[in-house]
Amino acid sequence: MNLILKKSQLYYLALVIVAIIIPIIHYPRIYGVDAFGLIWMSNALRNGVLFSENTWLIHPASYFGYYPFSHVPIGIPIFLALLISLLNIFSFGITEAILAFNILLIIIIYKSSRNLGNRLFEEEWSRFVFVAAILL
C-alpha cells in the first residue's frame, strides 16, 4: 500500500505535528489561572457536585456558557473530569489528561479551521496561512 501525500498535505501534517509538540515540551508544568480553575472544577465534578444542591448545571445552555449565571462553560470541566477518570484506570494523572485534552483540541481546531479556510480562500497558500494563524 503506497501512501501518496501532496506537498500541501505534507505542510499541513508538519503544522499539526508542531502544534502538538508545543504542549508536549511544556508537559510537566501547567500554566495559567484558568487551568487550575478547570482542574478544581473537574475534581469537584468527579466528587459529585452535579448531584448536590449547589450544582453548576442550572440550565442546558450552561454546558456551553450561554446562561447568565454560568461564567464558565460546564461542558469543558465535565469532559476533563471524564478524561481524568478514564486515564486514572491506566494510572495516568491530571496533567496527562490535560495533555490529551490539548491534543484533542488541536485536532478539532485544525479540522474546523481547515474547513473554514477551504470555504474562504481559493489559493492553497492562503488556506495554509489561515490555518497556521489559527492553530499556532
N, C-alpha and C. Protein backbone atom coordinates (compact mmCIF):
# COMPACT_ATOMS: atom_id res chain seq x y z
N MET A 1 0.84 -1.17 0.00
CA MET A 1 0.00 0.00 0.00
C MET A 1 0.89 1.24 0.00
N ASN A 2 0.76 2.03 -1.00
CA ASN A 2 1.55 3.26 -1.11
C ASN A 2 0.76 4.42 -0.54
N LEU A 3 1.43 5.20 0.28
CA LEU A 3 0.83 6.40 0.84
C LEU A 3 1.39 7.59 0.08
N ILE A 4 0.53 8.22 -0.69
CA ILE A 4 0.96 9.35 -1.51
C ILE A 4 0.44 10.63 -0.87
N LEU A 5 1.35 11.51 -0.52
CA LEU A 5 0.99 12.80 0.06
C LEU A 5 1.36 13.91 -0.90
N LYS A 6 0.44 14.83 -1.07
CA LYS A 6 0.78 16.02 -1.84
C LYS A 6 1.67 16.90 -1.00
N LYS A 7 2.29 17.86 -1.65
CA LYS A 7 3.18 18.77 -0.94
C LYS A 7 2.41 19.59 0.09
N SER A 8 1.20 20.02 -0.24
CA SER A 8 0.42 20.82 0.70
C SER A 8 -0.02 19.98 1.89
N GLN A 9 -0.35 18.71 1.67
CA GLN A 9 -0.73 17.84 2.78
C GLN A 9 0.45 17.61 3.72
N LEU A 10 1.64 17.55 3.16
CA LEU A 10 2.83 17.41 3.98
C LEU A 10 3.05 18.65 4.84
N TYR A 11 2.78 19.82 4.29
CA TYR A 11 2.89 21.05 5.07
C TYR A 11 1.87 21.08 6.21
N TYR A 12 0.65 20.66 5.92
CA TYR A 12 -0.37 20.62 6.97
C TYR A 12 -0.02 19.61 8.05
N LEU A 13 0.52 18.47 7.65
CA LEU A 13 0.94 17.46 8.62
C LEU A 13 2.05 17.99 9.51
N ALA A 14 3.01 18.68 8.92
CA ALA A 14 4.09 19.28 9.72
C ALA A 14 3.54 20.34 10.66
N LEU A 15 2.56 21.10 10.22
CA LEU A 15 1.95 22.12 11.06
C LEU A 15 1.24 21.51 12.27
N VAL A 16 0.52 20.43 12.05
CA VAL A 16 -0.17 19.75 13.16
C VAL A 16 0.83 19.13 14.11
N ILE A 17 1.89 18.55 13.59
CA ILE A 17 2.92 17.95 14.46
C ILE A 17 3.59 19.02 15.31
N VAL A 18 3.89 20.17 14.73
CA VAL A 18 4.47 21.27 15.51
C VAL A 18 3.49 21.75 16.57
N ALA A 19 2.21 21.85 16.22
CA ALA A 19 1.21 22.29 17.19
C ALA A 19 1.03 21.29 18.32
N ILE A 20 1.24 20.01 18.06
CA ILE A 20 1.15 19.00 19.12
C ILE A 20 2.42 18.97 19.95
N ILE A 21 3.57 19.23 19.34
CA ILE A 21 4.84 19.19 20.08
C ILE A 21 4.93 20.35 21.07
N ILE A 22 4.35 21.49 20.76
CA ILE A 22 4.45 22.65 21.65
C ILE A 22 3.91 22.34 23.05
N PRO A 23 2.70 21.73 23.23
CA PRO A 23 2.28 21.39 24.59
C PRO A 23 3.11 20.28 25.23
N ILE A 24 3.67 19.39 24.41
CA ILE A 24 4.47 18.30 24.97
C ILE A 24 5.77 18.84 25.56
N ILE A 25 6.32 19.90 24.97
CA ILE A 25 7.54 20.50 25.50
C ILE A 25 7.31 21.03 26.91
N HIS A 26 6.15 21.62 27.14
CA HIS A 26 5.83 22.19 28.45
C HIS A 26 5.05 21.20 29.31
N TYR A 27 5.14 19.91 29.04
CA TYR A 27 4.26 18.90 29.62
C TYR A 27 4.18 18.87 31.14
N PRO A 28 5.28 18.79 31.89
CA PRO A 28 5.07 18.60 33.33
C PRO A 28 4.50 19.83 34.04
N ARG A 29 4.52 20.98 33.40
CA ARG A 29 4.07 22.20 34.05
C ARG A 29 2.72 22.63 33.47
N ILE A 30 1.89 23.15 34.35
CA ILE A 30 0.59 23.67 33.94
C ILE A 30 0.64 25.18 34.15
N TYR A 31 0.31 25.92 33.10
CA TYR A 31 0.37 27.37 33.15
C TYR A 31 -1.02 27.97 33.17
N GLY A 32 -1.14 29.11 33.82
CA GLY A 32 -2.37 29.89 33.74
C GLY A 32 -3.34 29.61 34.87
N VAL A 33 -4.04 30.64 35.26
CA VAL A 33 -5.03 30.52 36.32
C VAL A 33 -6.23 29.71 35.84
N ASP A 34 -6.57 29.84 34.58
CA ASP A 34 -7.72 29.12 34.04
C ASP A 34 -7.54 27.62 34.15
N ALA A 35 -6.33 27.14 33.94
CA ALA A 35 -6.09 25.70 34.02
C ALA A 35 -6.35 25.18 35.43
N PHE A 36 -5.90 25.93 36.43
CA PHE A 36 -6.13 25.48 37.80
C PHE A 36 -7.60 25.57 38.17
N GLY A 37 -8.30 26.55 37.63
CA GLY A 37 -9.75 26.63 37.84
C GLY A 37 -10.47 25.46 37.22
N LEU A 38 -10.07 25.08 36.00
CA LEU A 38 -10.69 23.93 35.35
C LEU A 38 -10.35 22.63 36.07
N ILE A 39 -9.13 22.52 36.59
CA ILE A 39 -8.77 21.32 37.36
C ILE A 39 -9.62 21.24 38.62
N TRP A 40 -9.79 22.38 39.31
CA TRP A 40 -10.61 22.39 40.52
C TRP A 40 -12.05 22.01 40.21
N MET A 41 -12.60 22.57 39.11
CA MET A 41 -13.98 22.26 38.74
C MET A 41 -14.14 20.80 38.33
N SER A 42 -13.17 20.27 37.61
CA SER A 42 -13.29 18.86 37.19
C SER A 42 -13.14 17.92 38.37
N ASN A 43 -12.28 18.25 39.33
CA ASN A 43 -12.19 17.43 40.54
C ASN A 43 -13.47 17.52 41.36
N ALA A 44 -14.07 18.70 41.42
CA ALA A 44 -15.34 18.84 42.13
C ALA A 44 -16.44 18.04 41.43
N LEU A 45 -16.41 18.03 40.11
CA LEU A 45 -17.40 17.24 39.36
C LEU A 45 -17.20 15.75 39.60
N ARG A 46 -15.96 15.33 39.71
CA ARG A 46 -15.69 13.91 39.98
C ARG A 46 -16.16 13.53 41.38
N ASN A 47 -16.19 14.51 42.29
CA ASN A 47 -16.64 14.24 43.66
C ASN A 47 -18.15 14.39 43.82
N GLY A 48 -18.87 14.66 42.76
CA GLY A 48 -20.33 14.63 42.81
C GLY A 48 -21.01 15.97 43.00
N VAL A 49 -20.43 17.05 42.55
CA VAL A 49 -21.06 18.36 42.74
C VAL A 49 -22.30 18.54 41.85
N LEU A 50 -22.39 17.79 40.76
CA LEU A 50 -23.57 17.91 39.90
C LEU A 50 -24.82 17.38 40.56
N PHE A 51 -24.66 16.48 41.52
CA PHE A 51 -25.82 15.86 42.15
C PHE A 51 -26.10 16.41 43.54
N SER A 52 -25.44 17.52 43.90
CA SER A 52 -25.72 18.16 45.18
C SER A 52 -26.68 19.33 44.95
N GLU A 53 -27.01 20.03 46.02
CA GLU A 53 -27.92 21.17 45.86
C GLU A 53 -27.20 22.42 45.37
N ASN A 54 -25.87 22.44 45.40
CA ASN A 54 -25.08 23.57 44.90
C ASN A 54 -24.51 23.22 43.53
N THR A 55 -25.35 22.92 42.60
CA THR A 55 -24.88 22.47 41.29
C THR A 55 -24.56 23.66 40.38
N TRP A 56 -23.65 23.43 39.44
CA TRP A 56 -23.32 24.44 38.43
C TRP A 56 -24.21 24.30 37.21
N LEU A 57 -24.82 23.15 37.09
CA LEU A 57 -25.64 22.88 35.92
C LEU A 57 -27.04 23.42 36.17
N ILE A 58 -27.25 24.67 35.81
CA ILE A 58 -28.51 25.34 36.08
C ILE A 58 -29.49 25.13 34.93
N HIS A 59 -28.97 25.18 33.74
CA HIS A 59 -29.79 25.17 32.53
C HIS A 59 -29.00 24.40 31.47
N PRO A 60 -29.65 23.74 30.51
CA PRO A 60 -28.89 23.04 29.46
C PRO A 60 -27.94 23.96 28.68
N ALA A 61 -28.25 25.25 28.59
CA ALA A 61 -27.36 26.18 27.89
C ALA A 61 -26.09 26.44 28.68
N SER A 62 -26.06 26.08 29.97
CA SER A 62 -24.84 26.30 30.76
C SER A 62 -23.73 25.32 30.40
N TYR A 63 -24.04 24.27 29.64
CA TYR A 63 -22.98 23.41 29.12
C TYR A 63 -22.03 24.21 28.23
N PHE A 64 -22.57 25.20 27.53
CA PHE A 64 -21.79 25.97 26.57
C PHE A 64 -21.50 27.39 27.06
N GLY A 65 -21.90 27.74 28.28
CA GLY A 65 -21.64 29.06 28.84
C GLY A 65 -22.63 30.11 28.40
N TYR A 66 -23.79 29.71 27.88
CA TYR A 66 -24.79 30.66 27.40
C TYR A 66 -25.92 30.87 28.38
N TYR A 67 -25.65 30.74 29.65
CA TYR A 67 -26.66 31.01 30.67
C TYR A 67 -26.12 32.11 31.56
N PRO A 68 -26.93 33.06 31.98
CA PRO A 68 -26.39 34.24 32.68
C PRO A 68 -25.60 33.93 33.94
N PHE A 69 -25.93 32.87 34.65
CA PHE A 69 -25.25 32.60 35.91
C PHE A 69 -24.07 31.64 35.77
N SER A 70 -23.75 31.21 34.56
CA SER A 70 -22.61 30.31 34.37
C SER A 70 -21.48 31.10 33.73
N HIS A 71 -20.43 31.35 34.49
CA HIS A 71 -19.31 32.14 33.97
C HIS A 71 -18.37 31.31 33.12
N VAL A 72 -18.39 30.00 33.29
CA VAL A 72 -17.53 29.10 32.53
C VAL A 72 -18.43 28.02 31.92
N PRO A 73 -18.22 27.67 30.66
CA PRO A 73 -18.99 26.55 30.10
C PRO A 73 -18.69 25.28 30.88
N ILE A 74 -19.71 24.64 31.41
CA ILE A 74 -19.51 23.48 32.28
C ILE A 74 -19.15 22.23 31.47
N GLY A 75 -19.35 22.28 30.15
CA GLY A 75 -19.03 21.12 29.32
C GLY A 75 -17.54 20.78 29.31
N ILE A 76 -16.68 21.81 29.39
CA ILE A 76 -15.23 21.57 29.38
C ILE A 76 -14.78 20.85 30.65
N PRO A 77 -15.17 21.30 31.87
CA PRO A 77 -14.78 20.53 33.05
C PRO A 77 -15.42 19.15 33.12
N ILE A 78 -16.63 19.00 32.58
CA ILE A 78 -17.25 17.67 32.56
C ILE A 78 -16.43 16.73 31.68
N PHE A 79 -16.04 17.19 30.49
CA PHE A 79 -15.23 16.35 29.60
C PHE A 79 -13.86 16.07 30.21
N LEU A 80 -13.27 17.08 30.87
CA LEU A 80 -11.97 16.88 31.52
C LEU A 80 -12.09 15.90 32.68
N ALA A 81 -13.19 15.97 33.44
CA ALA A 81 -13.41 15.01 34.52
C ALA A 81 -13.56 13.59 33.97
N LEU A 82 -14.24 13.46 32.83
CA LEU A 82 -14.36 12.16 32.18
C LEU A 82 -13.00 11.65 31.73
N LEU A 83 -12.19 12.53 31.14
CA LEU A 83 -10.84 12.12 30.71
C LEU A 83 -9.97 11.72 31.90
N ILE A 84 -10.05 12.48 32.99
CA ILE A 84 -9.27 12.15 34.19
C ILE A 84 -9.69 10.80 34.73
N SER A 85 -11.00 10.54 34.77
CA SER A 85 -11.48 9.25 35.28
C SER A 85 -11.05 8.10 34.38
N LEU A 86 -11.11 8.32 33.06
CA LEU A 86 -10.69 7.25 32.14
C LEU A 86 -9.19 7.00 32.21
N LEU A 87 -8.40 8.07 32.33
CA LEU A 87 -6.95 7.89 32.38
C LEU A 87 -6.47 7.40 33.74
N ASN A 88 -7.29 7.57 34.80
CA ASN A 88 -6.93 7.01 36.10
C ASN A 88 -6.96 5.48 36.06
N ILE A 89 -7.74 4.92 35.17
CA ILE A 89 -7.76 3.46 35.02
C ILE A 89 -6.38 2.96 34.59
N PHE A 90 -5.70 3.73 33.75
CA PHE A 90 -4.38 3.37 33.25
C PHE A 90 -3.26 4.01 34.05
N SER A 91 -3.56 4.50 35.25
CA SER A 91 -2.59 5.10 36.19
C SER A 91 -1.96 6.38 35.67
N PHE A 92 -2.72 7.15 34.91
CA PHE A 92 -2.27 8.47 34.49
C PHE A 92 -2.92 9.51 35.38
N GLY A 93 -2.32 10.69 35.45
CA GLY A 93 -2.82 11.73 36.33
C GLY A 93 -3.53 12.85 35.60
N ILE A 94 -3.65 13.96 36.32
CA ILE A 94 -4.37 15.12 35.81
C ILE A 94 -3.60 15.77 34.66
N THR A 95 -2.29 15.86 34.80
CA THR A 95 -1.51 16.53 33.75
C THR A 95 -1.57 15.76 32.43
N GLU A 96 -1.61 14.45 32.50
CA GLU A 96 -1.74 13.66 31.27
C GLU A 96 -3.11 13.85 30.64
N ALA A 97 -4.15 13.99 31.49
CA ALA A 97 -5.49 14.23 30.96
C ALA A 97 -5.56 15.59 30.28
N ILE A 98 -4.90 16.59 30.86
CA ILE A 98 -4.88 17.92 30.24
C ILE A 98 -4.10 17.87 28.93
N LEU A 99 -3.01 17.12 28.88
CA LEU A 99 -2.25 16.97 27.64
C LEU A 99 -3.09 16.28 26.57
N ALA A 100 -3.81 15.22 26.94
CA ALA A 100 -4.68 14.54 25.97
C ALA A 100 -5.79 15.47 25.50
N PHE A 101 -6.33 16.27 26.41
CA PHE A 101 -7.37 17.24 26.05
C PHE A 101 -6.82 18.28 25.09
N ASN A 102 -5.59 18.74 25.33
CA ASN A 102 -4.95 19.71 24.42
C ASN A 102 -4.76 19.13 23.03
N ILE A 103 -4.30 17.89 22.95
CA ILE A 103 -4.08 17.26 21.65
C ILE A 103 -5.41 17.08 20.91
N LEU A 104 -6.44 16.70 21.64
CA LEU A 104 -7.76 16.56 21.03
C LEU A 104 -8.28 17.90 20.53
N LEU A 105 -8.08 18.96 21.32
CA LEU A 105 -8.50 20.29 20.88
C LEU A 105 -7.70 20.77 19.66
N ILE A 106 -6.41 20.45 19.61
CA ILE A 106 -5.60 20.83 18.45
C ILE A 106 -6.13 20.17 17.19
N ILE A 107 -6.51 18.91 17.28
CA ILE A 107 -7.04 18.21 16.11
C ILE A 107 -8.38 18.80 15.68
N ILE A 108 -9.24 19.11 16.66
CA ILE A 108 -10.55 19.71 16.33
C ILE A 108 -10.37 21.10 15.72
N ILE A 109 -9.47 21.90 16.30
CA ILE A 109 -9.23 23.25 15.78
C ILE A 109 -8.64 23.18 14.38
N TYR A 110 -7.72 22.23 14.15
CA TYR A 110 -7.14 22.08 12.81
C TYR A 110 -8.22 21.75 11.79
N LYS A 111 -9.04 20.77 12.12
CA LYS A 111 -10.05 20.33 11.15
C LYS A 111 -11.06 21.43 10.85
N SER A 112 -11.51 22.13 11.88
CA SER A 112 -12.50 23.19 11.65
C SER A 112 -11.89 24.39 10.92
N SER A 113 -10.64 24.76 11.26
CA SER A 113 -10.02 25.88 10.55
C SER A 113 -9.67 25.50 9.11
N ARG A 114 -9.35 24.26 8.88
CA ARG A 114 -9.09 23.81 7.50
C ARG A 114 -10.37 23.87 6.67
N ASN A 115 -11.49 23.44 7.25
CA ASN A 115 -12.76 23.52 6.52
C ASN A 115 -13.16 24.96 6.25
N LEU A 116 -12.97 25.83 7.25
CA LEU A 116 -13.29 27.24 7.06
C LEU A 116 -12.36 27.89 6.04
N GLY A 117 -11.07 27.54 6.07
CA GLY A 117 -10.13 28.06 5.09
C GLY A 117 -10.46 27.62 3.68
N ASN A 118 -10.96 26.39 3.53
CA ASN A 118 -11.36 25.92 2.20
C ASN A 118 -12.54 26.71 1.66
N ARG A 119 -13.41 27.16 2.54
CA ARG A 119 -14.57 27.94 2.10
C ARG A 119 -14.23 29.40 1.82
N LEU A 120 -13.23 29.93 2.54
CA LEU A 120 -12.93 31.35 2.42
C LEU A 120 -11.93 31.67 1.31
N PHE A 121 -10.95 30.80 1.11
CA PHE A 121 -9.84 31.12 0.20
C PHE A 121 -9.77 30.11 -0.94
N GLU A 122 -9.30 30.60 -2.09
CA GLU A 122 -9.15 29.72 -3.25
C GLU A 122 -7.72 29.22 -3.39
N GLU A 123 -6.73 30.04 -3.03
CA GLU A 123 -5.34 29.61 -3.16
C GLU A 123 -4.96 28.75 -1.95
N GLU A 124 -4.13 27.76 -2.22
CA GLU A 124 -3.72 26.83 -1.17
C GLU A 124 -2.87 27.51 -0.10
N TRP A 125 -1.99 28.44 -0.52
CA TRP A 125 -1.12 29.09 0.46
C TRP A 125 -1.91 30.02 1.37
N SER A 126 -2.96 30.63 0.87
CA SER A 126 -3.81 31.46 1.73
C SER A 126 -4.50 30.60 2.77
N ARG A 127 -4.94 29.42 2.36
CA ARG A 127 -5.55 28.49 3.32
C ARG A 127 -4.55 28.06 4.38
N PHE A 128 -3.33 27.77 3.93
CA PHE A 128 -2.30 27.32 4.87
C PHE A 128 -1.96 28.40 5.89
N VAL A 129 -1.81 29.63 5.43
CA VAL A 129 -1.51 30.74 6.35
C VAL A 129 -2.67 30.95 7.31
N PHE A 130 -3.89 30.81 6.83
CA PHE A 130 -5.06 30.95 7.69
C PHE A 130 -5.08 29.88 8.77
N VAL A 131 -4.85 28.63 8.38
CA VAL A 131 -4.84 27.53 9.35
C VAL A 131 -3.69 27.69 10.34
N ALA A 132 -2.53 28.10 9.85
CA ALA A 132 -1.38 28.29 10.75
C ALA A 132 -1.62 29.42 11.73
N ALA A 133 -2.27 30.49 11.28
CA ALA A 133 -2.55 31.62 12.18
C ALA A 133 -3.53 31.21 13.27
N ILE A 134 -4.49 30.39 12.95
CA ILE A 134 -5.46 29.96 13.96
C ILE A 134 -4.86 28.88 14.86
N LEU A 135 -4.12 27.96 14.29
CA LEU A 135 -3.62 26.81 15.05
C LEU A 135 -2.46 27.16 15.96
N LEU A 136 -1.59 28.03 15.52
CA LEU A 136 -0.44 28.37 16.34
C LEU A 136 -0.69 29.67 17.05
